[in-house]
């Protein structure tokens, strides 16, 4: 999946209680003619790299005063930094796939599904995710994770400090045997002498859940200058599992925009550009605000440009 920047402005719709007749805020738009939305059968897969809450002046006219208003605008200053952090540490990953879109060009009917991706999984269920700072160094063994007790004699890095079989005083192992035949012993820094794919200097393999280069973190690497290279969901080779919450009971995507279009727009600075417009659509979303607080919102109208 490739990286894309999409400004997604989420607008929460409220209808004021009054004696006036109810005003229909969002006129339903029929699905445009074209290919059906079938999970995993789309084209041009992308990953949304930024999610933003619009200001109070964005969105639809919800109160009937003739001006657009965004009822979520007031929480933007509180929630936006938490949303940004969630994108940076990959706890929020939003893949999308297009339908009835064989090429990126002007198109009167574009459909797409939006998913929740699971890029930093906890496959072994030990409560620690791989691929993040201070994360799990072996996501295949629930007994190996930060904070675990180092077991001398199993030839593995149990506590994810980058060393295998260090003693109680954190002194590195003096064992010079190379049990897995990778050219490194534990005394030379091998953090798993049972797996030849794991040793100092090994290339980090994104998504395998192992600390291939013995820096103490799986799916992340650090060079000699301390610069960190994290395996990224925005890489063209990223393999992103889709969370089951992305689908309804029938297996259909929960969030679908089925009446979008791509038009050419002239930008004063960049010239002609293609712009995707879709929505409004209806769905629910959880927005993290703090570690112990999330906003669980039923969105009555959302547009993507």
Protein backbone atom coordinates (compact mmCIF):
# COMPACT_ATOMS: atom_id res chain seq x y z
CA UNK A 1 0.00 0.00 0.00
CA UNK A 2 1.24 3.47 -0.83
CA UNK A 3 1.15 6.59 1.24
CA UNK A 4 -1.52 9.17 0.59
CA UNK A 5 -2.51 12.35 2.37
CA UNK A 6 -6.21 12.74 2.81
CA UNK A 7 -7.79 15.46 4.90
CA UNK A 8 -10.73 13.68 6.51
CA UNK A 9 -13.04 16.10 8.21
CA UNK A 10 -15.51 14.36 10.48
CA UNK A 11 -18.75 16.22 11.11
CA UNK A 12 -21.13 15.20 13.86
CA UNK A 13 -24.71 16.14 13.14
CA UNK A 14 -27.15 17.27 15.81
CA UNK A 15 -30.75 18.32 15.26
CA UNK A 16 -31.97 20.90 17.74
CA UNK A 17 -35.18 20.16 19.58
CA UNK A 18 -37.84 22.69 18.63
CA UNK A 19 -41.42 22.97 17.49
CA UNK A 20 -40.25 23.54 13.93
CA UNK A 21 -40.63 20.79 11.40
CA UNK A 22 -37.60 18.55 11.25
CA UNK A 23 -35.19 19.51 8.51
CA UNK A 24 -33.52 16.74 6.56
CA UNK A 25 -29.82 17.46 6.99
CA UNK A 26 -28.37 14.94 4.57
CA UNK A 27 -30.30 14.13 1.44
CA UNK A 28 -29.52 10.49 0.62
CA UNK A 29 -27.46 10.11 -2.53
CA UNK A 30 -28.06 6.95 -4.53
CA UNK A 31 -25.15 4.63 -5.22
CA UNK A 32 -23.57 5.48 -8.54
CA UNK A 33 -23.55 2.86 -11.26
CA UNK A 34 -20.45 0.74 -11.40
CA UNK A 35 -18.63 -2.16 -9.78
CA UNK A 36 -19.91 -3.42 -6.45
CA UNK A 37 -17.91 -2.97 -3.25
CA UNK A 38 -16.40 -6.37 -2.43
CA UNK A 39 -13.66 -6.54 0.24
CA UNK A 40 -10.14 -7.30 -1.07
CA UNK A 41 -11.32 -6.98 -4.69
CA UNK A 42 -10.64 -3.28 -5.13
CA UNK A 43 -7.89 -1.36 -6.90
CA UNK A 44 -5.36 1.34 -5.97
CA UNK A 45 -5.04 0.41 -2.27
CA UNK A 46 -3.90 3.32 -0.11
CA UNK A 47 -3.34 4.14 3.56
CA UNK A 48 -4.67 7.38 5.05
CA UNK A 49 -1.75 9.07 6.77
CA UNK A 50 -3.51 11.98 8.48
CA UNK A 51 -6.88 12.40 10.16
CA UNK A 52 -8.06 15.85 11.17
CA UNK A 53 -11.09 17.26 12.90
CA UNK A 54 -12.34 20.29 11.03
CA UNK A 55 -12.89 23.66 12.61
CA UNK A 56 -16.26 24.98 13.63
CA UNK A 57 -16.64 26.58 10.20
CA UNK A 58 -16.24 23.30 8.32
CA UNK A 59 -18.89 20.83 7.35
CA UNK A 60 -22.63 21.13 6.88
CA UNK A 61 -25.21 23.66 7.96
CA UNK A 62 -26.58 21.76 10.94
CA UNK A 63 -28.44 24.54 12.71
CA UNK A 64 -30.14 26.10 9.70
CA UNK A 65 -28.48 29.50 9.89
CA UNK A 66 -27.15 29.34 6.34
CA UNK A 67 -23.53 28.76 7.42
CA UNK A 68 -21.53 25.53 7.67
CA UNK A 69 -20.84 24.35 11.20
CA UNK A 70 -18.96 21.42 12.68
CA UNK A 71 -20.16 20.21 16.06
CA UNK A 72 -16.84 18.44 16.62
CA UNK A 73 -14.83 21.62 16.08
CA UNK A 74 -14.84 22.36 19.80
CA UNK A 75 -12.98 19.17 20.72
CA UNK A 76 -10.33 19.56 18.03
CA UNK A 77 -7.80 21.24 20.34
CA UNK A 78 -8.26 18.48 22.90
CA UNK A 79 -8.35 15.45 20.63
CA UNK A 80 -6.14 16.33 17.65
CA UNK A 81 -2.77 15.82 19.37
CA UNK A 82 -3.89 12.38 20.58
CA UNK A 83 -5.01 11.49 17.06
CA UNK A 84 -1.67 12.65 15.63
CA UNK A 85 0.24 10.54 18.19
CA UNK A 86 -1.89 7.52 17.35
CA UNK A 87 -0.92 7.84 13.69
CA UNK A 88 2.76 8.24 14.58
CA UNK A 89 2.89 5.07 16.68
CA UNK A 90 0.63 3.18 14.25
CA UNK A 91 -2.10 2.46 16.79
CA UNK A 92 -4.42 3.98 14.16
CA UNK A 93 -3.95 2.62 10.63
CA UNK A 94 -6.65 3.31 8.05
CA UNK A 95 -6.34 1.42 4.74
CA UNK A 96 -8.73 2.13 1.90
CA UNK A 97 -9.36 0.42 -1.41
CA UNK A 98 -11.09 1.82 -4.48
CA UNK A 99 -13.77 0.23 -6.66
CA UNK A 100 -14.79 1.05 -10.21
CA UNK A 101 -11.54 2.98 -10.49
CA UNK A 102 -9.21 1.24 -12.97
CA UNK A 103 -6.92 4.28 -13.18
CA UNK A 104 -6.31 7.52 -11.32
CA UNK A 105 -8.11 9.91 -13.65
CA UNK A 106 -11.30 11.94 -13.87
CA UNK A 107 -14.16 9.62 -13.05
CA UNK A 108 -17.86 10.26 -12.46
CA UNK A 109 -18.35 7.18 -10.27
CA UNK A 110 -15.79 6.17 -7.66
CA UNK A 111 -16.50 3.94 -4.69
CA UNK A 112 -14.21 3.02 -1.83
CA UNK A 113 -14.20 1.21 1.48
CA UNK A 114 -12.40 2.42 4.60
CA UNK A 115 -10.96 -0.13 7.04
CA UNK A 116 -9.30 -0.32 10.43
CA UNK A 117 -5.88 -1.87 10.04
CA UNK A 118 -3.97 -3.93 12.61
CA UNK A 119 -0.35 -3.07 11.81
CA UNK A 120 1.13 -3.50 15.30
CA UNK A 121 -0.45 -6.74 16.45
CA UNK A 122 -0.04 -8.62 19.70
CA UNK A 123 0.03 -12.07 18.13
CA UNK A 124 1.21 -13.89 21.26
CA UNK A 125 -1.27 -12.21 23.61
CA UNK A 126 1.28 -11.04 26.17
CA UNK A 127 -0.02 -7.46 26.17
CA UNK A 128 2.96 -6.04 24.29
CA UNK A 129 2.85 -4.99 20.63
CA UNK A 130 5.76 -5.20 18.23
CA UNK A 131 6.93 -2.44 15.90
CA UNK A 132 6.69 0.40 18.43
CA UNK A 133 9.23 1.99 20.80
CA UNK A 134 9.76 -0.26 23.80
CA UNK A 135 7.57 -2.93 22.23
CA UNK A 136 7.76 -6.70 22.11
CA UNK A 137 10.96 -8.20 20.71
CA UNK A 138 9.37 -11.58 19.96
CA UNK A 139 5.67 -11.55 19.16
CA UNK A 140 5.52 -15.34 18.87
CA UNK A 141 6.27 -16.23 22.50
CA UNK A 142 4.12 -14.85 25.36
CA UNK A 143 6.98 -15.44 27.80
CA UNK A 144 9.20 -12.95 25.94
CA UNK A 145 8.41 -9.26 26.34
CA UNK A 146 9.70 -6.12 28.07
CA UNK A 147 9.66 -6.68 31.82
CA UNK A 148 9.86 -10.48 31.62
CA UNK A 149 12.40 -12.35 33.74
CA UNK A 150 15.56 -13.32 31.90
CA UNK A 151 15.94 -17.10 31.87
CA UNK A 152 19.60 -18.03 31.66
CA UNK A 153 20.03 -21.17 29.62
CA UNK A 154 17.25 -20.82 27.04
CA UNK A 155 19.56 -18.83 24.71
CA UNK A 156 16.95 -16.09 24.12
CA UNK A 157 16.42 -12.44 25.02
CA UNK A 158 13.47 -12.82 27.39
CA UNK A 159 13.28 -9.23 28.65
CA UNK A 160 13.89 -7.46 25.33
CA UNK A 161 17.05 -5.62 26.29
CA UNK A 162 18.92 -6.84 23.20
CA UNK A 163 20.95 -9.48 25.12
CA UNK A 164 20.35 -13.18 25.66
CA UNK A 165 21.13 -15.00 28.91
CA UNK A 166 22.65 -12.04 30.73
CA UNK A 167 23.07 -12.63 34.45
CA UNK A 168 21.21 -10.99 37.34
CA UNK A 169 23.64 -8.06 37.27
CA UNK A 170 22.89 -7.56 33.55
CA UNK A 171 26.35 -8.78 32.51
CA UNK A 172 26.32 -10.18 28.94
CA UNK A 173 26.60 -13.91 28.46
CA UNK A 174 30.10 -15.34 28.05
CA UNK A 175 28.81 -18.33 26.05
CA UNK A 176 30.86 -18.56 22.83
CA UNK A 177 28.94 -21.43 21.20
CA UNK A 178 27.07 -20.65 17.97
CA UNK A 179 24.11 -23.01 18.25
CA UNK A 180 22.07 -21.74 15.30
CA UNK A 181 24.99 -21.46 12.87
CA UNK A 182 24.47 -17.78 12.01
CA UNK A 183 28.08 -16.84 12.79
CA UNK A 184 27.32 -15.22 16.15
CA UNK A 185 27.38 -16.51 19.70
CA UNK A 186 25.60 -14.93 22.66
CA UNK A 187 28.97 -13.58 23.77
CA UNK A 188 29.12 -11.79 20.40
CA UNK A 189 25.66 -10.33 20.88
CA UNK A 190 23.30 -12.94 19.42
CA UNK A 191 19.99 -12.28 21.17
CA UNK A 192 18.42 -15.56 20.02
CA UNK A 193 20.88 -18.38 19.50
CA UNK A 194 18.08 -20.70 18.41
CA UNK A 195 17.16 -18.75 15.27
CA UNK A 196 19.66 -18.09 12.47
CA UNK A 197 17.55 -15.15 11.20
CA UNK A 198 18.28 -13.25 14.41
CA UNK A 199 21.76 -11.82 15.13
CA UNK A 200 23.60 -8.48 15.26
CA UNK A 201 23.71 -6.84 11.85
CA UNK A 202 20.82 -8.85 10.42
CA UNK A 203 18.35 -6.99 8.23
CA UNK A 204 15.14 -6.19 10.08
CA UNK A 205 12.24 -8.02 8.47
CA UNK A 206 9.08 -5.94 8.73
CA UNK A 207 6.11 -7.85 10.04
CA UNK A 208 7.84 -11.02 11.21
CA UNK A 209 7.49 -10.06 14.88
CA UNK A 210 11.18 -10.75 15.61
CA UNK A 211 14.09 -8.58 16.71
CA UNK A 212 16.22 -9.58 13.75
CA UNK A 213 19.08 -7.15 14.44
CA UNK A 214 19.16 -7.58 18.25
CA UNK A 215 18.48 -3.96 19.18
CA UNK A 216 15.76 -4.94 21.66
CA UNK A 217 12.73 -4.17 19.47
CA UNK A 218 10.99 -6.22 16.82
CA UNK A 219 10.18 -4.66 13.43
CA UNK A 220 12.35 -1.59 14.15
CA UNK A 221 16.03 -0.92 13.53
CA UNK A 222 18.63 1.57 14.80
CA UNK A 223 21.77 2.53 12.91
CA UNK A 224 25.21 3.32 14.36
CA UNK A 225 24.18 6.94 14.87
CA UNK A 226 21.07 5.99 16.79
CA UNK A 227 18.71 6.88 13.96
CA UNK A 228 15.59 4.73 14.12
CA UNK A 229 13.98 3.24 11.05
CA UNK A 230 10.57 1.88 11.87
CA UNK A 231 8.73 -0.57 9.67
CA UNK A 232 5.93 1.59 8.32
CA UNK A 233 2.37 0.86 7.18
CA UNK A 234 3.00 3.50 4.50
CA UNK A 235 5.66 1.37 2.83
CA UNK A 236 4.76 -0.05 -0.57
CA UNK A 237 5.55 -3.54 0.79
CA UNK A 238 3.59 -3.23 4.04
CA UNK A 239 1.32 -6.15 4.87
CA UNK A 240 -1.59 -4.80 6.90
CA UNK A 241 -4.13 -7.14 8.45
CA UNK A 242 -7.68 -5.75 8.64
CA UNK A 243 -9.39 -5.67 12.01
CA UNK A 244 -12.63 -7.67 12.21
CA UNK A 245 -14.34 -4.50 13.43
CA UNK A 246 -13.99 -3.23 9.86
CA UNK A 247 -16.79 -5.55 8.75
CA UNK A 248 -20.43 -6.07 9.58
CA UNK A 249 -22.03 -9.43 10.36
CA UNK A 250 -22.42 -10.19 6.66
CA UNK A 251 -18.74 -9.49 5.96
CA UNK A 252 -19.32 -6.16 4.22
CA UNK A 253 -17.17 -3.11 5.01
CA UNK A 254 -18.62 -0.97 7.79
CA UNK A 255 -17.55 2.30 6.15
CA UNK A 256 -18.33 2.70 2.46
CA UNK A 257 -18.51 5.75 0.20
CA UNK A 258 -20.39 4.61 -2.89
CA UNK A 259 -21.07 7.84 -4.76
CA UNK A 260 -17.78 9.67 -5.13
CA UNK A 261 -16.25 11.37 -8.13
CA UNK A 262 -12.85 12.61 -9.29
CA UNK A 263 -12.76 16.00 -10.98
CA UNK A 264 -10.03 18.25 -12.30
CA UNK A 265 -9.54 21.44 -10.31
CA UNK A 266 -7.17 24.29 -11.13
CA UNK A 267 -5.00 25.26 -8.18
CA UNK A 268 -3.41 28.74 -8.36
CA UNK A 269 -0.06 27.38 -7.17
CA UNK A 270 0.17 23.86 -8.58
CA UNK A 271 -2.02 24.07 -11.66
CA UNK A 272 -4.48 21.33 -12.57
CA UNK A 273 -4.99 18.69 -9.90
CA UNK A 274 -7.38 15.78 -9.50
CA UNK A 275 -9.68 16.00 -6.48
CA UNK A 276 -11.71 13.15 -5.01
CA UNK A 277 -15.00 14.13 -3.41
CA UNK A 278 -17.26 11.65 -1.65
CA UNK A 279 -20.02 11.61 0.92
CA UNK A 280 -21.89 12.24 3.00
CA UNK A 281 -21.74 8.78 4.53
CA UNK A 282 -22.85 7.42 7.89
CA UNK A 283 -20.74 5.37 10.31
CA UNK A 284 -19.38 5.17 13.86
CA UNK A 285 -15.85 5.98 14.98
CA UNK A 286 -13.82 5.95 18.19
CA UNK A 287 -11.46 8.90 18.71
CA UNK A 288 -8.80 8.54 21.45
CA UNK A 289 -8.54 11.64 23.60
CA UNK A 290 -6.50 10.37 26.55
CA UNK A 291 -5.27 6.97 27.72
CA UNK A 292 -8.48 6.41 29.66
CA UNK A 293 -10.89 8.36 27.47
CA UNK A 294 -12.24 7.89 23.96
CA UNK A 295 -15.05 9.59 22.11
CA UNK A 296 -17.49 7.02 20.71
CA UNK A 297 -19.29 8.93 17.99
CA UNK A 298 -22.11 8.05 15.63
CA UNK A 299 -21.31 10.15 12.58
CA UNK A 300 -24.39 11.25 10.69
CA UNK A 301 -22.52 12.92 7.90
CA UNK A 302 -18.91 12.72 6.74
CA UNK A 303 -17.22 13.83 3.58
CA UNK A 304 -13.79 13.09 2.20
CA UNK A 305 -11.88 15.33 -0.16
